[in-house]
Amino acid sequence: MIRREILLPAPREDVWEALTEPERLEDWFANDVDLDLRPGGGASFRWSNGEERHATVTEVDHERRFAFEWDDDEGQVELTLDDDADGTRLTVVESSPNWSTALDLRASALACV
């Protein structure tokens, strides 16, 4: 398991929207996103290079926690948001480094969107 914390200088509500609203995810993560934000809902992420990944939502606690499993057996990703004096602390726990690497690279864009 890989655990990372990212401090984002934005309110928790804004970070939640950037992580869970397809049009906001398209601003910083993938070029085309479909997300059914409920346990059992599907998620699809498509990039301009032709890559496409699919996932299934496993848990949603509005503005607090969001978890999903990659459909290609690349493991589970858990995103937890906590208020911090400097904004929002995003904790990412995953069994594969793919998601948190993307978050690290795009954290500043996430906070500014």
N, C-alpha and C. Protein backbone atom coordinates (compact mmCIF):
# COMPACT_ATOMS: atom_id res chain seq x y z
N MET A 1 0.83 -1.18 0.00
CA MET A 1 0.00 0.00 0.00
C MET A 1 0.88 1.25 0.00
N ILE A 2 0.43 2.22 -0.73
CA ILE A 2 1.12 3.50 -0.81
C ILE A 2 0.19 4.55 -0.21
N ARG A 3 0.72 5.36 0.69
CA ARG A 3 -0.06 6.43 1.33
C ARG A 3 0.68 7.73 1.11
N ARG A 4 -0.05 8.72 0.61
CA ARG A 4 0.52 10.06 0.39
C ARG A 4 -0.46 11.10 0.89
N GLU A 5 0.10 12.19 1.39
CA GLU A 5 -0.72 13.33 1.79
C GLU A 5 -0.29 14.52 0.96
N ILE A 6 -1.29 15.26 0.49
CA ILE A 6 -1.06 16.45 -0.32
C ILE A 6 -1.86 17.58 0.33
N LEU A 7 -1.20 18.67 0.65
CA LEU A 7 -1.89 19.83 1.21
C LEU A 7 -2.21 20.78 0.07
N LEU A 8 -3.50 21.04 -0.11
CA LEU A 8 -3.97 21.90 -1.19
C LEU A 8 -4.53 23.19 -0.60
N PRO A 9 -4.11 24.35 -1.12
CA PRO A 9 -4.56 25.63 -0.58
C PRO A 9 -5.94 26.01 -1.13
N ALA A 10 -6.93 25.15 -0.85
CA ALA A 10 -8.29 25.37 -1.33
C ALA A 10 -9.26 24.75 -0.32
N PRO A 11 -10.49 25.27 -0.24
CA PRO A 11 -11.47 24.70 0.68
C PRO A 11 -11.82 23.25 0.27
N ARG A 12 -12.20 22.46 1.28
CA ARG A 12 -12.53 21.05 1.05
C ARG A 12 -13.61 20.90 -0.03
N GLU A 13 -14.60 21.77 -0.05
CA GLU A 13 -15.68 21.68 -1.04
C GLU A 13 -15.13 21.79 -2.47
N ASP A 14 -14.18 22.71 -2.67
CA ASP A 14 -13.60 22.89 -4.00
C ASP A 14 -12.76 21.68 -4.41
N VAL A 15 -12.00 21.13 -3.47
CA VAL A 15 -11.19 19.96 -3.78
C VAL A 15 -12.09 18.77 -4.10
N TRP A 16 -13.16 18.60 -3.33
CA TRP A 16 -14.12 17.53 -3.59
C TRP A 16 -14.67 17.63 -5.02
N GLU A 17 -15.08 18.82 -5.40
CA GLU A 17 -15.61 19.01 -6.75
C GLU A 17 -14.56 18.68 -7.81
N ALA A 18 -13.32 19.09 -7.58
CA ALA A 18 -12.26 18.81 -8.55
C ALA A 18 -11.96 17.32 -8.67
N LEU A 19 -12.23 16.57 -7.62
CA LEU A 19 -11.98 15.12 -7.63
C LEU A 19 -13.16 14.30 -8.11
N THR A 20 -14.38 14.87 -8.07
CA THR A 20 -15.56 14.05 -8.32
C THR A 20 -16.46 14.53 -9.45
N GLU A 21 -16.30 15.74 -9.92
CA GLU A 21 -17.13 16.22 -11.02
C GLU A 21 -16.39 16.00 -12.33
N PRO A 22 -17.01 15.25 -13.26
CA PRO A 22 -16.32 14.92 -14.51
C PRO A 22 -15.71 16.11 -15.23
N GLU A 23 -16.45 17.22 -15.33
CA GLU A 23 -15.90 18.37 -16.06
C GLU A 23 -14.70 18.97 -15.34
N ARG A 24 -14.66 18.89 -14.02
CA ARG A 24 -13.50 19.38 -13.26
C ARG A 24 -12.31 18.41 -13.42
N LEU A 25 -12.59 17.10 -13.41
CA LEU A 25 -11.52 16.11 -13.64
C LEU A 25 -10.91 16.29 -15.02
N GLU A 26 -11.74 16.69 -15.99
CA GLU A 26 -11.24 16.92 -17.35
C GLU A 26 -10.31 18.12 -17.41
N ASP A 27 -10.40 19.03 -16.43
CA ASP A 27 -9.52 20.19 -16.38
C ASP A 27 -8.09 19.81 -16.00
N TRP A 28 -7.92 18.71 -15.25
CA TRP A 28 -6.59 18.43 -14.72
C TRP A 28 -6.13 16.97 -14.79
N PHE A 29 -7.05 16.02 -14.98
CA PHE A 29 -6.62 14.62 -14.91
C PHE A 29 -6.68 13.89 -16.25
N ALA A 30 -7.85 13.80 -16.83
CA ALA A 30 -8.02 13.08 -18.10
C ALA A 30 -8.80 13.98 -19.06
N ASN A 31 -8.73 13.66 -20.35
CA ASN A 31 -9.40 14.49 -21.35
C ASN A 31 -10.91 14.28 -21.39
N ASP A 32 -11.35 13.07 -21.06
CA ASP A 32 -12.77 12.74 -21.09
C ASP A 32 -13.07 11.85 -19.89
N VAL A 33 -14.04 12.24 -19.07
CA VAL A 33 -14.34 11.51 -17.84
C VAL A 33 -15.84 11.26 -17.74
N ASP A 34 -16.19 10.03 -17.40
CA ASP A 34 -17.55 9.67 -17.01
C ASP A 34 -17.45 9.13 -15.60
N LEU A 35 -18.32 9.60 -14.69
CA LEU A 35 -18.26 9.17 -13.31
C LEU A 35 -19.65 9.11 -12.72
N ASP A 36 -20.05 7.94 -12.27
CA ASP A 36 -21.32 7.73 -11.58
C ASP A 36 -20.97 7.62 -10.09
N LEU A 37 -21.09 8.73 -9.38
CA LEU A 37 -20.59 8.86 -8.02
C LEU A 37 -21.55 8.25 -6.99
N ARG A 38 -21.59 6.92 -6.98
CA ARG A 38 -22.35 6.17 -5.98
C ARG A 38 -21.72 4.79 -5.90
N PRO A 39 -21.79 4.13 -4.75
CA PRO A 39 -21.23 2.79 -4.66
C PRO A 39 -21.81 1.88 -5.76
N GLY A 40 -20.93 1.22 -6.48
CA GLY A 40 -21.33 0.38 -7.60
C GLY A 40 -21.34 1.12 -8.93
N GLY A 41 -21.21 2.44 -8.89
CA GLY A 41 -21.21 3.25 -10.11
C GLY A 41 -19.91 3.07 -10.88
N GLY A 42 -19.97 3.33 -12.16
CA GLY A 42 -18.80 3.18 -13.01
C GLY A 42 -18.06 4.48 -13.23
N ALA A 43 -16.80 4.35 -13.60
CA ALA A 43 -15.97 5.51 -13.94
C ALA A 43 -15.12 5.15 -15.15
N SER A 44 -15.01 6.09 -16.08
CA SER A 44 -14.15 5.91 -17.25
C SER A 44 -13.30 7.16 -17.41
N PHE A 45 -12.01 6.93 -17.66
CA PHE A 45 -11.06 8.02 -17.86
C PHE A 45 -10.38 7.78 -19.20
N ARG A 46 -10.42 8.79 -20.09
CA ARG A 46 -9.81 8.68 -21.41
C ARG A 46 -8.87 9.85 -21.62
N TRP A 47 -7.70 9.53 -22.20
CA TRP A 47 -6.68 10.55 -22.46
C TRP A 47 -6.49 10.73 -23.95
N SER A 48 -5.92 11.86 -24.33
CA SER A 48 -5.74 12.18 -25.75
C SER A 48 -4.79 11.23 -26.46
N ASN A 49 -3.96 10.50 -25.72
CA ASN A 49 -3.04 9.55 -26.34
C ASN A 49 -3.70 8.20 -26.63
N GLY A 50 -5.00 8.09 -26.37
CA GLY A 50 -5.74 6.86 -26.64
C GLY A 50 -5.89 5.95 -25.44
N GLU A 51 -5.17 6.24 -24.36
CA GLU A 51 -5.29 5.41 -23.16
C GLU A 51 -6.67 5.57 -22.55
N GLU A 52 -7.21 4.48 -22.03
CA GLU A 52 -8.52 4.49 -21.39
C GLU A 52 -8.49 3.54 -20.20
N ARG A 53 -9.00 4.00 -19.06
CA ARG A 53 -9.07 3.16 -17.86
C ARG A 53 -10.47 3.23 -17.30
N HIS A 54 -10.88 2.12 -16.71
CA HIS A 54 -12.22 2.02 -16.12
C HIS A 54 -12.11 1.61 -14.66
N ALA A 55 -13.09 2.05 -13.88
CA ALA A 55 -13.09 1.76 -12.45
C ALA A 55 -14.53 1.60 -11.98
N THR A 56 -14.67 1.07 -10.77
CA THR A 56 -15.96 0.96 -10.11
C THR A 56 -15.88 1.65 -8.76
N VAL A 57 -16.81 2.56 -8.50
CA VAL A 57 -16.86 3.29 -7.23
C VAL A 57 -17.25 2.30 -6.13
N THR A 58 -16.48 2.32 -5.03
CA THR A 58 -16.78 1.41 -3.92
C THR A 58 -17.31 2.12 -2.68
N GLU A 59 -17.01 3.41 -2.54
CA GLU A 59 -17.44 4.13 -1.35
C GLU A 59 -17.52 5.62 -1.64
N VAL A 60 -18.56 6.27 -1.09
CA VAL A 60 -18.70 7.72 -1.20
C VAL A 60 -19.24 8.26 0.13
N ASP A 61 -18.51 9.18 0.74
CA ASP A 61 -18.96 9.94 1.89
C ASP A 61 -18.80 11.39 1.47
N HIS A 62 -19.90 12.01 1.06
CA HIS A 62 -19.88 13.32 0.40
C HIS A 62 -18.94 14.30 1.09
N GLU A 63 -18.04 14.87 0.28
CA GLU A 63 -17.04 15.87 0.66
C GLU A 63 -16.05 15.36 1.71
N ARG A 64 -16.00 14.05 1.95
CA ARG A 64 -15.06 13.49 2.92
C ARG A 64 -14.20 12.36 2.35
N ARG A 65 -14.86 11.41 1.65
CA ARG A 65 -14.15 10.20 1.23
C ARG A 65 -14.75 9.65 -0.05
N PHE A 66 -13.86 9.15 -0.90
CA PHE A 66 -14.25 8.61 -2.20
C PHE A 66 -13.27 7.47 -2.49
N ALA A 67 -13.78 6.29 -2.83
CA ALA A 67 -12.91 5.16 -3.12
C ALA A 67 -13.41 4.45 -4.38
N PHE A 68 -12.44 3.89 -5.12
CA PHE A 68 -12.81 3.12 -6.30
C PHE A 68 -11.77 2.03 -6.55
N GLU A 69 -12.18 1.03 -7.34
CA GLU A 69 -11.29 -0.05 -7.75
C GLU A 69 -11.12 0.00 -9.25
N TRP A 70 -9.88 -0.08 -9.71
CA TRP A 70 -9.62 -0.15 -11.13
C TRP A 70 -10.14 -1.48 -11.66
N ASP A 71 -10.82 -1.48 -12.79
CA ASP A 71 -11.37 -2.70 -13.37
C ASP A 71 -10.31 -3.62 -13.96
N ASP A 72 -9.09 -3.10 -14.19
CA ASP A 72 -8.02 -3.92 -14.77
C ASP A 72 -7.13 -4.53 -13.68
N ASP A 73 -7.69 -4.69 -12.47
CA ASP A 73 -6.98 -5.32 -11.36
C ASP A 73 -5.74 -4.55 -10.92
N GLU A 74 -5.71 -3.24 -11.15
CA GLU A 74 -4.60 -2.41 -10.70
C GLU A 74 -4.80 -1.94 -9.27
N GLY A 75 -5.80 -2.46 -8.57
CA GLY A 75 -5.97 -2.15 -7.16
C GLY A 75 -7.02 -1.10 -6.88
N GLN A 76 -7.04 -0.69 -5.63
CA GLN A 76 -8.02 0.26 -5.13
C GLN A 76 -7.35 1.58 -4.79
N VAL A 77 -8.11 2.67 -4.92
CA VAL A 77 -7.67 4.01 -4.57
C VAL A 77 -8.68 4.59 -3.58
N GLU A 78 -8.18 5.11 -2.47
CA GLU A 78 -9.02 5.77 -1.47
C GLU A 78 -8.56 7.21 -1.33
N LEU A 79 -9.48 8.15 -1.45
CA LEU A 79 -9.18 9.58 -1.33
C LEU A 79 -9.96 10.11 -0.13
N THR A 80 -9.25 10.70 0.82
CA THR A 80 -9.89 11.25 2.01
C THR A 80 -9.52 12.72 2.13
N LEU A 81 -10.51 13.56 2.41
CA LEU A 81 -10.31 15.00 2.54
C LEU A 81 -10.53 15.42 3.98
N ASP A 82 -9.59 16.21 4.50
CA ASP A 82 -9.71 16.76 5.84
C ASP A 82 -9.39 18.25 5.79
N ASP A 83 -10.14 19.02 6.57
CA ASP A 83 -9.85 20.45 6.67
C ASP A 83 -8.49 20.65 7.33
N ASP A 84 -7.78 21.67 6.89
CA ASP A 84 -6.47 22.01 7.43
C ASP A 84 -6.44 23.54 7.53
N ALA A 85 -5.67 24.05 8.45
CA ALA A 85 -5.56 25.51 8.61
C ALA A 85 -5.12 26.18 7.31
N ASP A 86 -4.37 25.46 6.46
CA ASP A 86 -3.87 26.02 5.21
C ASP A 86 -4.69 25.59 3.99
N GLY A 87 -5.84 24.95 4.20
CA GLY A 87 -6.68 24.51 3.07
C GLY A 87 -7.27 23.14 3.33
N THR A 88 -6.90 22.19 2.49
CA THR A 88 -7.43 20.83 2.58
C THR A 88 -6.30 19.83 2.48
N ARG A 89 -6.31 18.86 3.39
CA ARG A 89 -5.33 17.77 3.33
C ARG A 89 -5.99 16.61 2.61
N LEU A 90 -5.43 16.24 1.48
CA LEU A 90 -5.89 15.11 0.68
C LEU A 90 -4.99 13.92 0.98
N THR A 91 -5.56 12.84 1.49
CA THR A 91 -4.81 11.62 1.75
C THR A 91 -5.20 10.60 0.69
N VAL A 92 -4.21 10.06 0.02
CA VAL A 92 -4.42 9.07 -1.03
C VAL A 92 -3.79 7.76 -0.57
N VAL A 93 -4.58 6.70 -0.52
CA VAL A 93 -4.09 5.38 -0.19
C VAL A 93 -4.42 4.48 -1.37
N GLU A 94 -3.40 3.79 -1.87
CA GLU A 94 -3.62 2.95 -3.04
C GLU A 94 -2.68 1.77 -3.05
N SER A 95 -3.05 0.77 -3.83
CA SER A 95 -2.20 -0.41 -3.94
C SER A 95 -1.28 -0.33 -5.15
N SER A 96 -1.39 0.73 -5.95
CA SER A 96 -0.55 0.94 -7.12
C SER A 96 -0.23 2.44 -7.19
N PRO A 97 0.96 2.84 -7.62
CA PRO A 97 1.33 4.26 -7.57
C PRO A 97 0.73 5.14 -8.66
N ASN A 98 -0.07 4.61 -9.56
CA ASN A 98 -0.54 5.37 -10.71
C ASN A 98 -1.33 6.62 -10.34
N TRP A 99 -2.29 6.51 -9.46
CA TRP A 99 -3.17 7.64 -9.15
C TRP A 99 -2.42 8.72 -8.38
N SER A 100 -1.69 8.35 -7.32
CA SER A 100 -1.04 9.38 -6.52
C SER A 100 0.08 10.07 -7.28
N THR A 101 0.72 9.38 -8.20
CA THR A 101 1.72 10.03 -9.04
C THR A 101 1.06 11.14 -9.85
N ALA A 102 -0.10 10.83 -10.42
CA ALA A 102 -0.83 11.85 -11.18
C ALA A 102 -1.23 13.00 -10.28
N LEU A 103 -1.67 12.70 -9.06
CA LEU A 103 -2.05 13.76 -8.14
C LEU A 103 -0.86 14.63 -7.77
N ASP A 104 0.27 14.02 -7.51
CA ASP A 104 1.46 14.80 -7.19
C ASP A 104 1.81 15.76 -8.31
N LEU A 105 1.74 15.28 -9.55
CA LEU A 105 2.12 16.09 -10.69
C LEU A 105 1.12 17.21 -10.97
N ARG A 106 -0.12 17.01 -10.55
CA ARG A 106 -1.16 17.97 -10.92
C ARG A 106 -1.78 18.69 -9.71
N ALA A 107 -1.21 18.51 -8.53
CA ALA A 107 -1.79 19.08 -7.33
C ALA A 107 -1.97 20.59 -7.41
N SER A 108 -0.99 21.29 -7.96
CA SER A 108 -1.11 22.74 -8.05
C SER A 108 -2.22 23.14 -9.02
N ALA A 109 -2.38 22.39 -10.10
CA ALA A 109 -3.46 22.69 -11.05
C ALA A 109 -4.81 22.44 -10.39
N LEU A 110 -4.91 21.39 -9.60
CA LEU A 110 -6.15 21.07 -8.90
C LEU A 110 -6.56 22.21 -7.99
N ALA A 111 -5.62 22.77 -7.26
CA ALA A 111 -5.92 23.84 -6.32
C ALA A 111 -6.31 25.13 -7.03
N CYS A 112 -5.84 25.32 -8.24
CA CYS A 112 -6.08 26.57 -8.95
C CYS A 112 -7.32 26.53 -9.84
N VAL A 113 -7.85 25.35 -10.09
CA VAL A 113 -8.99 25.23 -11.02
C VAL A 113 -10.26 25.68 -10.33
